[in-house]
PDB file of N, CA and C in Angstrom:
ATOM      1  N   MET A   1      58.450  32.230  29.602  1.00  0.00           N
ATOM      2  CA  MET A   1      56.771  32.651  29.603  1.00  0.00           C
ATOM      3  C   MET A   1      56.224  32.193  28.716  1.00  0.00           C
ATOM      4  N   LYS A   2      56.584  32.772  27.322  1.00  0.00           N
ATOM      5  CA  LYS A   2      56.127  32.307  26.044  1.00  0.00           C
ATOM      6  C   LYS A   2      55.960  30.926  26.015  1.00  0.00           C
ATOM      7  N   TYR A   3      56.774  29.911  26.190  1.00  0.00           N
ATOM      8  CA  TYR A   3      56.605  28.704  26.168  1.00  0.00           C
ATOM      9  C   TYR A   3      55.480  28.100  26.963  1.00  0.00           C
ATOM     10  N   VAL A   4      55.425  28.862  28.011  1.00  0.00           N
ATOM     11  CA  VAL A   4      53.838  28.437  28.796  1.00  0.00           C
ATOM     12  C   VAL A   4      52.761  28.817  27.832  1.00  0.00           C
ATOM     13  N   ILE A   5      52.751  29.960  27.625  1.00  0.00           N
ATOM     14  CA  ILE A   5      51.626  30.487  26.844  1.00  0.00           C
ATOM     15  C   ILE A   5      51.325  29.625  25.353  1.00  0.00           C
ATOM     16  N   LEU A   6      52.866  29.494  24.948  1.00  0.00           N
ATOM     17  CA  LEU A   6      52.392  28.590  23.321  1.00  0.00           C
ATOM     18  C   LEU A   6      51.709  27.122  23.873  1.00  0.00           C
ATOM     19  N   GLY A   7      52.356  26.595  25.003  1.00  0.00           N
ATOM     20  CA  GLY A   7      51.931  25.298  25.297  1.00  0.00           C
ATOM     21  C   GLY A   7      50.064  25.332  25.611  1.00  0.00           C
ATOM     22  N   GLY A   8      49.822  26.315  26.157  1.00  0.00           N
ATOM     23  CA  GLY A   8      48.565  26.561  26.475  1.00  0.00           C
ATOM     24  C   GLY A   8      47.544  26.855  25.323  1.00  0.00           C
ATOM     25  N   LEU A   9      48.228  27.352  24.542  1.00  0.00           N
ATOM     26  CA  LEU A   9      47.381  27.878  23.116  1.00  0.00           C
ATOM     27  C   LEU A   9      47.548  26.514  22.578  1.00  0.00           C
ATOM     28  N   LEU A  10      48.184  25.691  22.411  1.00  0.00           N
ATOM     29  CA  LEU A  10      48.421  24.214  21.865  1.00  0.00           C
ATOM     30  C   LEU A  10      47.237  23.379  22.528  1.00  0.00           C
ATOM     31  N   LEU A  11      47.577  23.542  23.591  1.00  0.00           N
ATOM     32  CA  LEU A  11      46.172  22.480  24.681  1.00  0.00           C
ATOM     33  C   LEU A  11      44.778  22.769  23.844  1.00  0.00           C
ATOM     34  N   ALA A  12      44.687  24.174  24.200  1.00  0.00           N
ATOM     35  CA  ALA A  12      43.428  24.936  23.968  1.00  0.00           C
ATOM     36  C   ALA A  12      42.814  24.424  22.289  1.00  0.00           C
ATOM     37  N   ALA A  13      44.088  24.429  21.361  1.00  0.00           N
ATOM     38  CA  ALA A  13      43.518  24.212  19.932  1.00  0.00           C
ATOM     39  C   ALA A  13      43.247  22.968  19.924  1.00  0.00           C
ATOM     40  N   TYR A  14      43.946  21.997  20.362  1.00  0.00           N
ATOM     41  CA  TYR A  14      43.527  20.441  20.498  1.00  0.00           C
ATOM     42  C   TYR A  14      42.449  20.357  21.146  1.00  0.00           C
ATOM     43  N   ALA A  15      42.018  20.883  22.365  1.00  0.00           N
ATOM     44  CA  ALA A  15      41.066  20.515  22.809  1.00  0.00           C
ATOM     45  C   ALA A  15      39.463  21.501  22.151  1.00  0.00           C
ATOM     46  N   LEU A  16      39.821  22.297  21.257  1.00  0.00           N
ATOM     47  CA  LEU A  16      38.771  23.096  20.253  1.00  0.00           C
ATOM     48  C   LEU A  16      38.470  22.151  19.142  1.00  0.00           C
ATOM     49  N   ALA A  17      40.023  21.293  18.590  1.00  0.00           N
ATOM     50  CA  ALA A  17      39.939  20.616  17.608  1.00  0.00           C
ATOM     51  C   ALA A  17      39.158  19.187  17.942  1.00  0.00           C
ATOM     52  N   ASN A  18      39.155  18.772  18.736  1.00  0.00           N
ATOM     53  CA  ASN A  18      38.687  17.459  19.653  1.00  0.00           C
ATOM     54  C   ASN A  18      37.504  17.781  19.562  1.00  0.00           C
ATOM     55  N   THR A  19      36.592  18.740  20.281  1.00  0.00           N
ATOM     56  CA  THR A  19      35.335  19.234  20.485  1.00  0.00           C
ATOM     57  C   THR A  19      34.442  19.363  18.971  1.00  0.00           C
ATOM     58  N   ASP A  20      35.543  19.924  17.955  1.00  0.00           N
ATOM     59  CA  ASP A  20      34.634  19.998  16.649  1.00  0.00           C
ATOM     60  C   ASP A  20      34.627  18.774  16.236  1.00  0.00           C
ATOM     61  N   TRP A  21      35.666  17.740  16.184  1.00  0.00           N
ATOM     62  CA  TRP A  21      35.598  16.510  15.691  1.00  0.00           C
ATOM     63  C   TRP A  21      34.408  15.884  16.205  1.00  0.00           C
ATOM     64  N   ASP A  22      33.629  15.883  17.700  1.00  0.00           N
ATOM     65  CA  ASP A  22      33.139  15.458  18.140  1.00  0.00           C
ATOM     66  C   ASP A  22      31.569  15.804  17.676  1.00  0.00           C
ATOM     67  N   SER A  23      31.484  17.222  17.568  1.00  0.00           N
ATOM     68  CA  SER A  23      30.334  17.717  17.258  1.00  0.00           C
ATOM     69  C   SER A  23      30.104  17.601  15.704  1.00  0.00           C
ATOM     70  N   ARG A  24      31.083  17.174  14.706  1.00  0.00           N
ATOM     71  CA  ARG A  24      31.195  16.969  13.370  1.00  0.00           C
ATOM     72  C   ARG A  24      30.311  15.389  13.450  1.00  0.00           C
ATOM     73  N   SER A  25      30.943  14.220  14.321  1.00  0.00           N
ATOM     74  CA  SER A  25      30.544  12.981  14.424  1.00  0.00           C
ATOM     75  C   SER A  25      29.171  13.088  14.579  1.00  0.00           C
ATOM     76  N   GLU A  26      28.596  13.969  15.501  1.00  0.00           N
ATOM     77  CA  GLU A  26      27.374  13.762  15.972  1.00  0.00           C
ATOM     78  C   GLU A  26      26.284  14.394  15.151  1.00  0.00           C
ATOM     79  N   TRP A  27      27.027  15.565  14.200  1.00  0.00           N
ATOM     80  CA  TRP A  27      26.258  16.330  12.981  1.00  0.00           C
ATOM     81  C   TRP A  27      26.039  15.101  11.966  1.00  0.00           C
ATOM     82  N   ARG A  28      27.252  14.229  11.586  1.00  0.00           N
ATOM     83  CA  ARG A  28      26.944  12.981  10.747  1.00  0.00           C
ATOM     84  C   ARG A  28      25.970  12.129  11.027  1.00  0.00           C
ATOM     85  N   ARG A  29      26.118  11.772  12.309  1.00  0.00           N
ATOM     86  CA  ARG A  29      25.359  10.711  13.178  1.00  0.00           C
ATOM     87  C   ARG A  29      23.411  11.132  12.910  1.00  0.00           C
ATOM     88  N   ALA A  30      23.359  12.620  13.180  1.00  0.00           N
ATOM     89  CA  ALA A  30      21.980  12.893  13.240  1.00  0.00           C
ATOM     90  C   ALA A  30      21.408  13.134  11.490  1.00  0.00           C
ATOM     91  N   ARG A  31      22.568  13.318  10.846  1.00  0.00           N
ATOM     92  CA  ARG A  31      21.944  13.572   9.318  1.00  0.00           C
ATOM     93  C   ARG A  31      21.662  12.330   8.949  1.00  0.00           C
ATOM     94  N   ALA A  32      22.599  11.236   8.824  1.00  0.00           N
ATOM     95  CA  ALA A  32      22.374   9.739   8.801  1.00  0.00           C
ATOM     96  C   ALA A  32      20.912   9.245   9.440  1.00  0.00           C
ATOM     97  N   GLU A  33      20.645   9.576  10.698  1.00  0.00           N
ATOM     98  CA  GLU A  33      19.405   9.537  11.154  1.00  0.00           C
ATOM     99  C   GLU A  33      18.357  10.019  10.284  1.00  0.00           C
ATOM    100  N   ALA A  34      18.232  11.248  10.035  1.00  0.00           N
ATOM    101  CA  ALA A  34      17.501  12.227   9.088  1.00  0.00           C
ATOM    102  C   ALA A  34      17.144  11.381   7.962  1.00  0.00           C
ATOM    103  N   ARG A  35      18.408  11.180   7.545  1.00  0.00           N
ATOM    104  CA  ARG A  35      18.252  10.268   5.747  1.00  0.00           C
ATOM    105  C   ARG A  35      17.477   9.068   6.347  1.00  0.00           C
ATOM    106  N   ARG A  36      17.698   8.369   7.349  1.00  0.00           N
ATOM    107  CA  ARG A  36      16.834   6.689   7.246  1.00  0.00           C
ATOM    108  C   ARG A  36      15.521   7.251   7.635  1.00  0.00           C
ATOM    109  N   GLU A  37      15.155   8.215   8.172  1.00  0.00           N
ATOM    110  CA  GLU A  37      13.959   8.391   8.465  1.00  0.00           C
ATOM    111  C   GLU A  37      13.266   9.079   7.261  1.00  0.00           C
ATOM    112  N   ARG A  38      14.260   9.831   6.550  1.00  0.00           N
ATOM    113  CA  ARG A  38      13.164  10.044   5.108  1.00  0.00           C
ATOM    114  C   ARG A  38      13.039   9.043   4.025  1.00  0.00           C
ATOM    115  N   VAL A  39      13.947   8.300   4.199  1.00  0.00           N
ATOM    116  CA  VAL A  39      13.912   6.846   3.484  1.00  0.00           C
ATOM    117  C   VAL A  39      12.470   6.206   3.657  1.00  0.00           C
ATOM    118  N   GLU A  40      12.574   6.150   5.171  1.00  0.00           N
ATOM    119  CA  GLU A  40      11.159   4.978   5.804  1.00  0.00           C
ATOM    120  C   GLU A  40       9.993   5.833   5.177  1.00  0.00           C
ATOM    121  N   VAL A  41      10.104   6.964   5.550  1.00  0.00           N
ATOM    122  CA  VAL A  41       8.974   7.837   4.928  1.00  0.00           C
ATOM    123  C   VAL A  41       8.505   7.791   3.697  1.00  0.00           C
ATOM    124  N   MET A  42       9.439   7.996   2.492  1.00  0.00           N
ATOM    125  CA  MET A  42       9.795   7.731   1.319  1.00  0.00           C
ATOM    126  C   MET A  42       9.007   5.996   0.935  1.00  0.00           C
ATOM    127  N   HIS A  43       9.523   5.393   1.602  1.00  0.00           N
ATOM    128  CA  HIS A  43       8.994   3.922   1.152  1.00  0.00           C
ATOM    129  C   HIS A  43       7.478   3.736   1.841  1.00  0.00           C
ATOM    130  N   GLN A  44       7.128   4.314   3.238  1.00  0.00           N
ATOM    131  CA  GLN A  44       5.390   4.236   3.429  1.00  0.00           C
ATOM    132  C   GLN A  44       4.747   5.126   2.115  1.00  0.00           C
ATOM    133  N   ALA A  45       4.869   6.099   1.679  1.00  0.00           N
ATOM    134  CA  ALA A  45       4.408   6.716   0.732  1.00  0.00           C
ATOM    135  C   ALA A  45       4.207   5.859  -0.111  1.00  0.00           C
ATOM    136  N   ALA A  46       5.413   5.372  -0.833  1.00  0.00           N
ATOM    137  CA  ALA A  46       5.317   4.371  -1.872  1.00  0.00           C
ATOM    138  C   ALA A  46       4.193   3.202  -1.649  1.00  0.00           C
ATOM    139  N   ARG A  47       4.494   2.685  -0.474  1.00  0.00           N
ATOM    140  CA  ARG A  47       3.515   1.512  -0.177  1.00  0.00           C
ATOM    141  C   ARG A  47       1.750   2.111  -0.228  1.00  0.00           C
ATOM    142  N   ALA A  48       1.734   3.244   0.483  1.00  0.00           N
ATOM    143  CA  ALA A  48       0.304   3.805   0.401  1.00  0.00           C
ATOM    144  C   ALA A  48      -0.073   4.190  -0.896  1.00  0.00           C
ATOM    145  N   ARG A  49       0.721   4.614  -2.214  1.00  0.00           N
ATOM    146  CA  ARG A  49       0.327   4.942  -3.358  1.00  0.00           C
ATOM    147  C   ARG A  49       0.083   3.192  -4.300  1.00  0.00           C
ATOM    148  N   ALA A  50       0.980   2.583  -3.635  1.00  0.00           N
ATOM    149  CA  ALA A  50       0.621   1.210  -4.311  1.00  0.00           C
ATOM    150  C   ALA A  50      -0.469   0.613  -3.964  1.00  0.00           C
ATOM    151  N   GLU A  51      -0.981   0.785  -2.882  1.00  0.00           N
ATOM    152  CA  GLU A  51      -2.122   0.135  -2.028  1.00  0.00           C
ATOM    153  C   GLU A  51      -3.294   1.166  -2.849  1.00  0.00           C
ATOM    154  N   LEU A  52      -3.011   2.373  -2.960  1.00  0.00           N
ATOM    155  CA  LEU A  52      -4.522   2.968  -3.468  1.00  0.00           C
ATOM    156  C   LEU A  52      -4.573   2.600  -5.210  1.00  0.00           C
ATOM    157  N   ARG A  53      -3.260   2.634  -5.811  1.00  0.00           N
ATOM    158  CA  ARG A  53      -3.828   2.266  -6.719  1.00  0.00           C
ATOM    159  C   ARG A  53      -3.835   0.659  -7.298  1.00  0.00           C
ATOM    160  N   ARG A  54      -3.792  -0.219  -6.281  1.00  0.00           N
ATOM    161  CA  ARG A  54      -4.613  -1.382  -6.071  1.00  0.00           C
ATOM    162  C   ARG A  54      -6.039  -1.087  -5.992  1.00  0.00           C
ATOM    163  N   ASP A  55      -6.290  -0.414  -5.164  1.00  0.00           N
ATOM    164  CA  ASP A  55      -7.847  -0.278  -5.002  1.00  0.00           C
ATOM    165  C   ASP A  55      -8.500   0.475  -5.689  1.00  0.00           C
ATOM    166  N   ALA A  56      -7.896   1.462  -6.449  1.00  0.00           N
ATOM    167  CA  ALA A  56      -8.621   1.810  -7.425  1.00  0.00           C
ATOM    168  C   ALA A  56      -8.736   1.279  -8.886  1.00  0.00           C
ATOM    169  N   ALA A  57      -7.979  -0.040  -9.032  1.00  0.00           N
ATOM    170  CA  ALA A  57      -7.775  -0.872  -9.800  1.00  0.00           C
ATOM    171  C   ALA A  57      -8.871  -1.685  -9.585  1.00  0.00           C
ATOM    172  N   GLU A  58      -9.385  -2.477  -8.398  1.00  0.00           N
ATOM    173  CA  GLU A  58     -10.152  -3.018  -7.970  1.00  0.00           C
ATOM    174  C   GLU A  58     -11.711  -2.513  -8.138  1.00  0.00           C
ATOM    175  N   VAL A  59     -11.920  -1.135  -7.833  1.00  0.00           N
ATOM    176  CA  VAL A  59     -12.873  -0.312  -8.094  1.00  0.00           C
ATOM    177  C   VAL A  59     -13.014  -0.272  -9.669  1.00  0.00           C
ATOM    178  N   ARG A  60     -12.166  -0.096 -10.350  1.00  0.00           N
ATOM    179  CA  ARG A  60     -12.357   0.314 -11.489  1.00  0.00           C
ATOM    180  C   ARG A  60     -13.215  -1.174 -12.275  1.00  0.00           C
ATOM    181  N   ARG A  61     -12.528  -2.224 -12.137  1.00  0.00           N
ATOM    182  CA  ARG A  61     -12.927  -3.610 -12.609  1.00  0.00           C
ATOM    183  C   ARG A  61     -14.205  -3.781 -12.109  1.00  0.00           C
ATOM    184  N   GLU A  62     -14.435  -3.555 -11.022  1.00  0.00           N
ATOM    185  CA  GLU A  62     -15.709  -3.873 -10.323  1.00  0.00           C
ATOM    186  C   GLU A  62     -16.897  -3.281 -11.383  1.00  0.00           C
ATOM    187  N   ALA A  63     -16.677  -1.732 -11.398  1.00  0.00           N
ATOM    188  CA  ALA A  63     -17.457  -0.812 -12.207  1.00  0.00           C
ATOM    189  C   ALA A  63     -17.609  -1.065 -13.766  1.00  0.00           C
ATOM    190  N   GLN A  64     -16.594  -1.491 -14.188  1.00  0.00           N
ATOM    191  CA  GLN A  64     -16.704  -2.285 -15.495  1.00  0.00           C
ATOM    192  C   GLN A  64     -17.529  -3.394 -15.951  1.00  0.00           C
ATOM    193  N   ARG A  65     -17.452  -4.299 -14.511  1.00  0.00           N
ATOM    194  CA  ARG A  65     -18.494  -5.479 -14.388  1.00  0.00           C
ATOM    195  C   ARG A  65     -19.421  -5.074 -14.555  1.00  0.00           C
ATOM    196  N   ASP A  66     -19.992  -4.248 -13.722  1.00  0.00           N
ATOM    197  CA  ASP A  66     -21.540  -3.807 -13.483  1.00  0.00           C
ATOM    198  C   ASP A  66     -21.837  -3.252 -14.368  1.00  0.00           C
ATOM    199  N   ALA A  67     -21.155  -2.388 -15.324  1.00  0.00           N
ATOM    200  CA  ALA A  67     -21.431  -1.814 -16.401  1.00  0.00           C
ATOM    201  C   ALA A  67     -21.668  -2.808 -17.797  1.00  0.00           C
ATOM    202  N   ARG A  68     -20.969  -3.939 -17.665  1.00  0.00           N
ATOM    203  CA  ARG A  68     -21.152  -5.184 -18.847  1.00  0.00           C
ATOM    204  C   ARG A  68     -22.148  -5.817 -18.204  1.00  0.00           C
ATOM    205  N   ARG A  69     -22.426  -5.926 -17.075  1.00  0.00           N
ATOM    206  CA  ARG A  69     -23.855  -6.650 -16.605  1.00  0.00           C
ATOM    207  C   ARG A  69     -25.124  -5.823 -16.973  1.00  0.00           C
ATOM    208  N   ALA A  70     -24.999  -4.511 -16.836  1.00  0.00           N
ATOM    209  CA  ALA A  70     -26.133  -3.719 -16.884  1.00  0.00           C
ATOM    210  C   ALA A  70     -26.513  -3.618 -18.595  1.00  0.00           C
ATOM    211  N   ARG A  71     -25.586  -3.576 -19.382  1.00  0.00           N
ATOM    212  CA  ARG A  71     -25.245  -3.700 -20.988  1.00  0.00           C
ATOM    213  C   ARG A  71     -26.072  -4.834 -21.230  1.00  0.00           C
ATOM    214  N   GLU A  72     -25.570  -5.820 -20.790  1.00  0.00           N
ATOM    215  CA  GLU A  72     -26.139  -7.347 -21.154  1.00  0.00           C
ATOM    216  C   GLU A  72     -27.790  -7.412 -20.846  1.00  0.00           C
ATOM    217  N   GLY A  73     -27.927  -6.832 -19.629  1.00  0.00           N
ATOM    218  CA  GLY A  73     -29.339  -6.644 -19.099  1.00  0.00           C
ATOM    219  C   GLY A  73     -30.397  -5.885 -19.882  1.00  0.00           C
ATOM    220  N   ALA A  74     -29.543  -4.766 -20.456  1.00  0.00           N
ATOM    221  CA  ALA A  74     -30.413  -3.873 -21.561  1.00  0.00           C
ATOM    222  C   ALA A  74     -30.645  -4.515 -22.948  1.00  0.00           C
ATOM    223  N   ARG A  75     -29.771  -5.262 -23.323  1.00  0.00           N
ATOM    224  CA  ARG A  75     -29.494  -6.036 -24.257  1.00  0.00           C
ATOM    225  C   ARG A  75     -30.564  -7.072 -24.490  1.00  0.00           C
ATOM    226  N   ARG A  76     -30.848  -7.945 -23.224  1.00  0.00           N
ATOM    227  CA  ARG A  76     -31.466  -8.919 -23.167  1.00  0.00           C
ATOM    228  C   ARG A  76     -33.339  -8.565 -23.430  1.00  0.00           C
ATOM    229  N   ALA A  77     -33.279  -7.193 -22.347  1.00  0.00           N
ATOM    230  CA  ALA A  77     -34.726  -6.397 -22.183  1.00  0.00           C
ATOM    231  C   ALA A  77     -35.077  -6.008 -23.439  1.00  0.00           C
ATOM    232  N   ALA A  78     -34.275  -5.499 -24.306  1.00  0.00           N
ATOM    233  CA  ALA A  78     -34.309  -5.208 -25.998  1.00  0.00           C
ATOM    234  C   ALA A  78     -34.727  -5.955 -26.613  1.00  0.00           C
ATOM    235  N   ARG A  79     -34.274  -7.387 -27.011  1.00  0.00           N
ATOM    236  CA  ARG A  79     -34.331  -8.433 -27.643  1.00  0.00           C
ATOM    237  C   ARG A  79     -35.448  -8.996 -27.460  1.00  0.00           C
ATOM    238  N   GLN A  80     -35.921  -9.253 -25.801  1.00  0.00           N
ATOM    239  CA  GLN A  80     -37.231  -9.842 -25.343  1.00  0.00           C
ATOM    240  C   GLN A  80     -38.422  -8.941 -25.756  1.00  0.00           C
ATOM    241  N   TRP A  81     -38.125  -7.716 -25.889  1.00  0.00           N
ATOM    242  CA  TRP A  81     -39.102  -6.505 -26.118  1.00  0.00           C
ATOM    243  C   TRP A  81     -39.546  -6.749 -27.820  1.00  0.00           C
ATOM    244  N   ARG A  82     -38.263  -6.990 -28.268  1.00  0.00           N
ATOM    245  CA  ARG A  82     -38.931  -7.159 -30.086  1.00  0.00           C
ATOM    246  C   ARG A  82     -39.135  -8.325 -30.334  1.00  0.00           C
ATOM    247  N   GLU A  83     -39.031  -9.154 -29.473  1.00  0.00           N
ATOM    248  CA  GLU A  83     -39.591 -10.517 -29.778  1.00  0.00           C
ATOM    249  C   GLU A  83     -40.915 -10.613 -29.417  1.00  0.00           C
ATOM    250  N   SER A  84     -41.264 -10.060 -28.449  1.00  0.00           N
ATOM    251  CA  SER A  84     -42.667 -10.070 -27.747  1.00  0.00           C
ATOM    252  C   SER A  84     -43.439  -9.446 -29.024  1.00  0.00           C
ATOM    253  N   TYR A  85     -43.199  -8.570 -29.946  1.00  0.00           N
ATOM    254  CA  TYR A  85     -43.792  -7.873 -31.061  1.00  0.00           C
ATOM    255  C   TYR A  85     -43.923  -8.387 -31.944  1.00  0.00           C
ATOM    256  N   ARG A  86     -43.460  -9.745 -32.569  1.00  0.00           N
ATOM    257  CA  ARG A  86     -43.200 -10.605 -33.661  1.00  0.00           C
ATOM    258  C   ARG A  86     -44.069 -11.317 -33.912  1.00  0.00           C
TER     259      ARG A  86
END
């Protein structure tokens, strides 16, 4: 009788161990998937930041160009005003 119980316990232990390995592999797959998704989100965020930096640089260049044109226009107007009083 004790051999039957011992055999049953061994079968139960094997079944539990096998289930544990299955759940571990599912857990590993889930962690790997979560890691891949996190990496993809990080890449998307990096691409968005790079795009924002490019847009900001373009706006900054345009503002500098407009400011330079305004300074040149003011200088030209001041020069014409000075020459008109000579």
